[in-house]
Amino acid sequence: MKAAKTEFPFKWPFPPRPKAQRPRRGKGVGGSAAPFTRKAMLADVVLVIFWGASIPGLMWLGAAGGF
């Protein structure tokens, strides 16, 4: 006896996604495909370092304050 394979159009509880259309040649997804600038990448790195240092820093301050 074979098990019936049921194909669902989506995974519950998430609604189905519309079919993605391939962008035409020469055009980006949003109409403009600007690459990341060095300034934007540097800002991202600084934000990651800041958030990565703030969590242990806040934990240290909490431990020092007796929380």
PDB file of N, CA and C in Angstrom:
ATOM      1  N   MET A   1       0.842  -1.178   0.000  1.00  0.00           N
ATOM      2  CA  MET A   1       0.000   0.000   0.000  1.00  0.00           C
ATOM      3  C   MET A   1       0.887   1.241   0.000  1.00  0.00           C
ATOM      4  N   LYS A   2       0.683   2.138  -0.960  1.00  0.00           N
ATOM      5  CA  LYS A   2       1.484   3.343  -1.072  1.00  0.00           C
ATOM      6  C   LYS A   2       0.842   4.475  -0.278  1.00  0.00           C
ATOM      7  N   ALA A   3       1.713   5.253   0.340  1.00  0.00           N
ATOM      8  CA  ALA A   3       1.210   6.416   1.065  1.00  0.00           C
ATOM      9  C   ALA A   3       0.977   7.544   0.059  1.00  0.00           C
ATOM     10  N   ALA A   4      -0.157   8.183   0.182  1.00  0.00           N
ATOM     11  CA  ALA A   4      -0.485   9.283  -0.724  1.00  0.00           C
ATOM     12  C   ALA A   4       0.334  10.507  -0.335  1.00  0.00           C
ATOM     13  N   LYS A   5       1.027  11.065  -1.321  1.00  0.00           N
ATOM     14  CA  LYS A   5       1.836  12.253  -1.061  1.00  0.00           C
ATOM     15  C   LYS A   5       0.956  13.474  -1.318  1.00  0.00           C
ATOM     16  N   THR A   6       0.723  14.243  -0.277  1.00  0.00           N
ATOM     17  CA  THR A   6      -0.136  15.410  -0.397  1.00  0.00           C
ATOM     18  C   THR A   6       0.725  16.646  -0.541  1.00  0.00           C
ATOM     19  N   GLU A   7       0.470  17.419  -1.580  1.00  0.00           N
ATOM     20  CA  GLU A   7       1.204  18.662  -1.820  1.00  0.00           C
ATOM     21  C   GLU A   7       0.362  19.825  -1.327  1.00  0.00           C
ATOM     22  N   PHE A   8       0.883  20.586  -0.402  1.00  0.00           N
ATOM     23  CA  PHE A   8       0.200  21.764   0.088  1.00  0.00           C
ATOM     24  C   PHE A   8       0.789  22.990  -0.597  1.00  0.00           C
ATOM     25  N   PRO A   9      -0.037  23.982  -0.921  1.00  0.00           N
ATOM     26  CA  PRO A   9       0.495  25.170  -1.584  1.00  0.00           C
ATOM     27  C   PRO A   9       1.291  26.070  -0.642  1.00  0.00           C
ATOM     28  N   PHE A  10       1.205  25.837   0.664  1.00  0.00           N
ATOM     29  CA  PHE A  10       1.939  26.643   1.630  1.00  0.00           C
ATOM     30  C   PHE A  10       2.121  25.847   2.899  1.00  0.00           C
ATOM     31  N   LYS A  11       2.997  26.337   3.732  1.00  0.00           N
ATOM     32  CA  LYS A  11       3.223  25.694   5.027  1.00  0.00           C
ATOM     33  C   LYS A  11       2.433  26.444   6.081  1.00  0.00           C
ATOM     34  N   TRP A  12       1.546  25.762   6.739  1.00  0.00           N
ATOM     35  CA  TRP A  12       0.715  26.369   7.761  1.00  0.00           C
ATOM     36  C   TRP A  12       1.595  26.864   8.895  1.00  0.00           C
ATOM     37  N   PRO A  13       1.399  27.979   9.531  1.00  0.00           N
ATOM     38  CA  PRO A  13       0.312  28.953   9.451  1.00  0.00           C
ATOM     39  C   PRO A  13       0.643  30.118   8.528  1.00  0.00           C
ATOM     40  N   PHE A  14       1.648  29.973   7.672  1.00  0.00           N
ATOM     41  CA  PHE A  14       2.064  31.078   6.824  1.00  0.00           C
ATOM     42  C   PHE A  14       1.270  31.057   5.519  1.00  0.00           C
ATOM     43  N   PRO A  15       0.848  32.225   5.045  1.00  0.00           N
ATOM     44  CA  PRO A  15       0.090  32.267   3.789  1.00  0.00           C
ATOM     45  C   PRO A  15       0.993  31.950   2.606  1.00  0.00           C
ATOM     46  N   PRO A  16       0.401  31.557   1.499  1.00  0.00           N
ATOM     47  CA  PRO A  16       1.235  31.250   0.325  1.00  0.00           C
ATOM     48  C   PRO A  16       1.880  32.505  -0.223  1.00  0.00           C
ATOM     49  N   ARG A  17       3.100  32.342  -0.710  1.00  0.00           N
ATOM     50  CA  ARG A  17       3.816  33.470  -1.308  1.00  0.00           C
ATOM     51  C   ARG A  17       3.474  33.548  -2.783  1.00  0.00           C
ATOM     52  N   PRO A  18       3.390  34.764  -3.306  1.00  0.00           N
ATOM     53  CA  PRO A  18       3.154  34.861  -4.751  1.00  0.00           C
ATOM     54  C   PRO A  18       4.362  34.353  -5.512  1.00  0.00           C
ATOM     55  N   LYS A  19       4.113  33.863  -6.710  1.00  0.00           N
ATOM     56  CA  LYS A  19       5.206  33.342  -7.533  1.00  0.00           C
ATOM     57  C   LYS A  19       6.177  34.463  -7.866  1.00  0.00           C
ATOM     58  N   ALA A  20       7.450  34.207  -7.648  1.00  0.00           N
ATOM     59  CA  ALA A  20       8.475  35.214  -7.927  1.00  0.00           C
ATOM     60  C   ALA A  20       8.718  35.272  -9.426  1.00  0.00           C
ATOM     61  N   GLN A  21       8.754  36.484  -9.941  1.00  0.00           N
ATOM     62  CA  GLN A  21       9.057  36.660 -11.350  1.00  0.00           C
ATOM     63  C   GLN A  21      10.517  37.049 -11.490  1.00  0.00           C
ATOM     64  N   ARG A  22      11.161  36.483 -12.471  1.00  0.00           N
ATOM     65  CA  ARG A  22      12.559  36.788 -12.683  1.00  0.00           C
ATOM     66  C   ARG A  22      12.674  38.193 -13.263  1.00  0.00           C
ATOM     67  N   PRO A  23      13.592  39.003 -12.707  1.00  0.00           N
ATOM     68  CA  PRO A  23      13.760  40.350 -13.273  1.00  0.00           C
ATOM     69  C   PRO A  23      14.355  40.276 -14.675  1.00  0.00           C
ATOM     70  N   ARG A  24      13.999  41.241 -15.484  1.00  0.00           N
ATOM     71  CA  ARG A  24      14.541  41.280 -16.835  1.00  0.00           C
ATOM     72  C   ARG A  24      16.009  41.659 -16.792  1.00  0.00           C
ATOM     73  N   ARG A  25      16.699  41.343 -17.847  1.00  0.00           N
ATOM     74  CA  ARG A  25      18.124  41.651 -17.910  1.00  0.00           C
ATOM     75  C   ARG A  25      18.348  43.143 -17.819  1.00  0.00           C
ATOM     76  N   GLY A  26      19.354  43.513 -17.022  1.00  0.00           N
ATOM     77  CA  GLY A  26      19.726  44.913 -16.929  1.00  0.00           C
ATOM     78  C   GLY A  26      18.946  45.682 -15.876  1.00  0.00           C
ATOM     79  N   LYS A  27      17.957  45.061 -15.290  1.00  0.00           N
ATOM     80  CA  LYS A  27      17.176  45.753 -14.267  1.00  0.00           C
ATOM     81  C   LYS A  27      17.282  44.988 -12.959  1.00  0.00           C
ATOM     82  N   GLY A  28      17.370  45.731 -11.868  1.00  0.00           N
ATOM     83  CA  GLY A  28      17.432  45.112 -10.560  1.00  0.00           C
ATOM     84  C   GLY A  28      16.040  44.754 -10.077  1.00  0.00           C
ATOM     85  N   VAL A  29      15.977  44.236  -8.887  1.00  0.00           N
ATOM     86  CA  VAL A  29      14.700  43.827  -8.326  1.00  0.00           C
ATOM     87  C   VAL A  29      13.797  45.029  -8.094  1.00  0.00           C
ATOM     88  N   GLY A  30      14.327  46.094  -7.549  1.00  0.00           N
ATOM     89  CA  GLY A  30      13.523  47.260  -7.251  1.00  0.00           C
ATOM     90  C   GLY A  30      13.637  48.355  -8.295  1.00  0.00           C
ATOM     91  N   GLY A  31      14.165  48.057  -9.439  1.00  0.00           N
ATOM     92  CA  GLY A  31      14.315  49.074 -10.461  1.00  0.00           C
ATOM     93  C   GLY A  31      15.716  49.669 -10.465  1.00  0.00           C
ATOM     94  N   SER A  32      16.400  49.625  -9.333  1.00  0.00           N
ATOM     95  CA  SER A  32      17.772  50.117  -9.279  1.00  0.00           C
ATOM     96  C   SER A  32      18.598  49.129  -8.472  1.00  0.00           C
ATOM     97  N   ALA A  33      19.692  48.713  -9.032  1.00  0.00           N
ATOM     98  CA  ALA A  33      20.550  47.726  -8.375  1.00  0.00           C
ATOM     99  C   ALA A  33      21.851  48.397  -7.956  1.00  0.00           C
ATOM    100  N   ALA A  34      21.764  49.339  -7.027  1.00  0.00           N
ATOM    101  CA  ALA A  34      22.952  50.038  -6.562  1.00  0.00           C
ATOM    102  C   ALA A  34      23.715  49.136  -5.585  1.00  0.00           C
ATOM    103  N   PRO A  35      25.016  48.969  -5.780  1.00  0.00           N
ATOM    104  CA  PRO A  35      25.792  48.143  -4.845  1.00  0.00           C
ATOM    105  C   PRO A  35      25.981  48.878  -3.515  1.00  0.00           C
ATOM    106  N   PHE A  36      26.323  48.113  -2.506  1.00  0.00           N
ATOM    107  CA  PHE A  36      26.574  48.722  -1.202  1.00  0.00           C
ATOM    108  C   PHE A  36      27.809  49.605  -1.291  1.00  0.00           C
ATOM    109  N   THR A  37      27.721  50.758  -0.661  1.00  0.00           N
ATOM    110  CA  THR A  37      28.876  51.647  -0.648  1.00  0.00           C
ATOM    111  C   THR A  37      29.778  51.278   0.514  1.00  0.00           C
ATOM    112  N   ARG A  38      31.005  51.744   0.460  1.00  0.00           N
ATOM    113  CA  ARG A  38      31.950  51.470   1.540  1.00  0.00           C
ATOM    114  C   ARG A  38      31.467  52.103   2.839  1.00  0.00           C
ATOM    115  N   LYS A  39      30.836  53.272   2.741  1.00  0.00           N
ATOM    116  CA  LYS A  39      30.320  53.963   3.920  1.00  0.00           C
ATOM    117  C   LYS A  39      29.204  53.154   4.575  1.00  0.00           C
ATOM    118  N   ALA A  40      28.305  52.575   3.774  1.00  0.00           N
ATOM    119  CA  ALA A  40      27.210  51.773   4.319  1.00  0.00           C
ATOM    120  C   ALA A  40      27.741  50.506   4.982  1.00  0.00           C
ATOM    121  N   MET A  41      28.736  49.874   4.359  1.00  0.00           N
ATOM    122  CA  MET A  41      29.309  48.665   4.954  1.00  0.00           C
ATOM    123  C   MET A  41      30.027  48.985   6.262  1.00  0.00           C
ATOM    124  N   LEU A  42      30.743  50.103   6.305  1.00  0.00           N
ATOM    125  CA  LEU A  42      31.433  50.508   7.526  1.00  0.00           C
ATOM    126  C   LEU A  42      30.432  50.813   8.636  1.00  0.00           C
ATOM    127  N   ALA A  43      29.328  51.465   8.295  1.00  0.00           N
ATOM    128  CA  ALA A  43      28.293  51.753   9.293  1.00  0.00           C
ATOM    129  C   ALA A  43      27.699  50.458   9.847  1.00  0.00           C
ATOM    130  N   ASP A  44      27.481  49.458   8.991  1.00  0.00           N
ATOM    131  CA  ASP A  44      26.964  48.168   9.450  1.00  0.00           C
ATOM    132  C   ASP A  44      27.939  47.494  10.411  1.00  0.00           C
ATOM    133  N   VAL A  45      29.221  47.531  10.086  1.00  0.00           N
ATOM    134  CA  VAL A  45      30.229  46.914  10.958  1.00  0.00           C
ATOM    135  C   VAL A  45      30.281  47.619  12.304  1.00  0.00           C
ATOM    136  N   VAL A  46      30.211  48.939  12.299  1.00  0.00           N
ATOM    137  CA  VAL A  46      30.237  49.704  13.556  1.00  0.00           C
ATOM    138  C   VAL A  46      29.009  49.377  14.411  1.00  0.00           C
ATOM    139  N   LEU A  47      27.842  49.269  13.782  1.00  0.00           N
ATOM    140  CA  LEU A  47      26.632  48.928  14.536  1.00  0.00           C
ATOM    141  C   LEU A  47      26.719  47.533  15.148  1.00  0.00           C
ATOM    142  N   VAL A  48      27.257  46.572  14.391  1.00  0.00           N
ATOM    143  CA  VAL A  48      27.395  45.209  14.927  1.00  0.00           C
ATOM    144  C   VAL A  48      28.358  45.193  16.100  1.00  0.00           C
ATOM    145  N   ILE A  49      29.471  45.912  15.992  1.00  0.00           N
ATOM    146  CA  ILE A  49      30.433  45.973  17.100  1.00  0.00           C
ATOM    147  C   ILE A  49      29.807  46.641  18.321  1.00  0.00           C
ATOM    148  N   PHE A  50      29.050  47.716  18.089  1.00  0.00           N
ATOM    149  CA  PHE A  50      28.403  48.419  19.200  1.00  0.00           C
ATOM    150  C   PHE A  50      27.418  47.517  19.924  1.00  0.00           C
ATOM    151  N   TRP A  51      26.547  46.833  19.168  1.00  0.00           N
ATOM    152  CA  TRP A  51      25.570  45.954  19.812  1.00  0.00           C
ATOM    153  C   TRP A  51      26.253  44.753  20.465  1.00  0.00           C
ATOM    154  N   GLY A  52      27.301  44.245  19.838  1.00  0.00           N
ATOM    155  CA  GLY A  52      28.015  43.114  20.419  1.00  0.00           C
ATOM    156  C   GLY A  52      28.717  43.476  21.719  1.00  0.00           C
ATOM    157  N   ALA A  53      29.161  44.727  21.850  1.00  0.00           N
ATOM    158  CA  ALA A  53      29.831  45.156  23.078  1.00  0.00           C
ATOM    159  C   ALA A  53      28.841  45.627  24.126  1.00  0.00           C
ATOM    160  N   SER A  54      27.657  46.078  23.715  1.00  0.00           N
ATOM    161  CA  SER A  54      26.704  46.616  24.690  1.00  0.00           C
ATOM    162  C   SER A  54      26.083  45.518  25.551  1.00  0.00           C
ATOM    163  N   ILE A  55      25.873  44.344  25.000  1.00  0.00           N
ATOM    164  CA  ILE A  55      25.239  43.268  25.780  1.00  0.00           C
ATOM    165  C   ILE A  55      26.122  42.839  26.947  1.00  0.00           C
ATOM    166  N   PRO A  56      27.402  42.475  26.742  1.00  0.00           N
ATOM    167  CA  PRO A  56      28.235  42.138  27.897  1.00  0.00           C
ATOM    168  C   PRO A  56      28.459  43.338  28.823  1.00  0.00           C
ATOM    169  N   GLY A  57      28.508  44.546  28.232  1.00  0.00           N
ATOM    170  CA  GLY A  57      28.680  45.741  29.062  1.00  0.00           C
ATOM    171  C   GLY A  57      27.507  45.958  29.996  1.00  0.00           C
ATOM    172  N   LEU A  58      26.301  45.794  29.492  1.00  0.00           N
ATOM    173  CA  LEU A  58      25.114  45.946  30.344  1.00  0.00           C
ATOM    174  C   LEU A  58      25.040  44.834  31.387  1.00  0.00           C
ATOM    175  N   MET A  59      25.440  43.626  31.010  1.00  0.00           N
ATOM    176  CA  MET A  59      25.452  42.539  31.990  1.00  0.00           C
ATOM    177  C   MET A  59      26.473  42.815  33.091  1.00  0.00           C
ATOM    178  N   TRP A  60      27.632  43.364  32.727  1.00  0.00           N
ATOM    179  CA  TRP A  60      28.647  43.687  33.702  1.00  0.00           C
ATOM    180  C   TRP A  60      28.147  44.783  34.647  1.00  0.00           C
ATOM    181  N   LEU A  61      27.508  45.803  34.084  1.00  0.00           N
ATOM    182  CA  LEU A  61      26.953  46.874  34.929  1.00  0.00           C
ATOM    183  C   LEU A  61      25.876  46.359  35.864  1.00  0.00           C
ATOM    184  N   GLY A  62      25.055  45.446  35.377  1.00  0.00           N
ATOM    185  CA  GLY A  62      24.023  44.842  36.237  1.00  0.00           C
ATOM    186  C   GLY A  62      24.632  44.038  37.360  1.00  0.00           C
ATOM    187  N   ALA A  63      25.686  43.278  37.039  1.00  0.00           N
ATOM    188  CA  ALA A  63      26.341  42.470  38.079  1.00  0.00           C
ATOM    189  C   ALA A  63      27.045  43.383  39.086  1.00  0.00           C
ATOM    190  N   ALA A  64      27.637  44.481  38.583  1.00  0.00           N
ATOM    191  CA  ALA A  64      28.325  45.403  39.488  1.00  0.00           C
ATOM    192  C   ALA A  64      27.332  46.134  40.379  1.00  0.00           C
ATOM    193  N   GLY A  65      26.130  46.368  39.878  1.00  0.00           N
ATOM    194  CA  GLY A  65      25.106  47.061  40.662  1.00  0.00           C
ATOM    195  C   GLY A  65      24.338  46.127  41.581  1.00  0.00           C
ATOM    196  N   GLY A  66      24.568  44.846  41.506  1.00  0.00           N
ATOM    197  CA  GLY A  66      23.896  43.911  42.389  1.00  0.00           C
ATOM    198  C   GLY A  66      22.513  43.497  41.906  1.00  0.00           C
ATOM    199  N   PHE A  67      22.250  43.657  40.652  1.00  0.00           N
ATOM    200  CA  PHE A  67      20.924  43.314  40.110  1.00  0.00           C
ATOM    201  C   PHE A  67      20.806  41.820  39.905  1.00  0.00           C
TER     202      PHE A  67
END
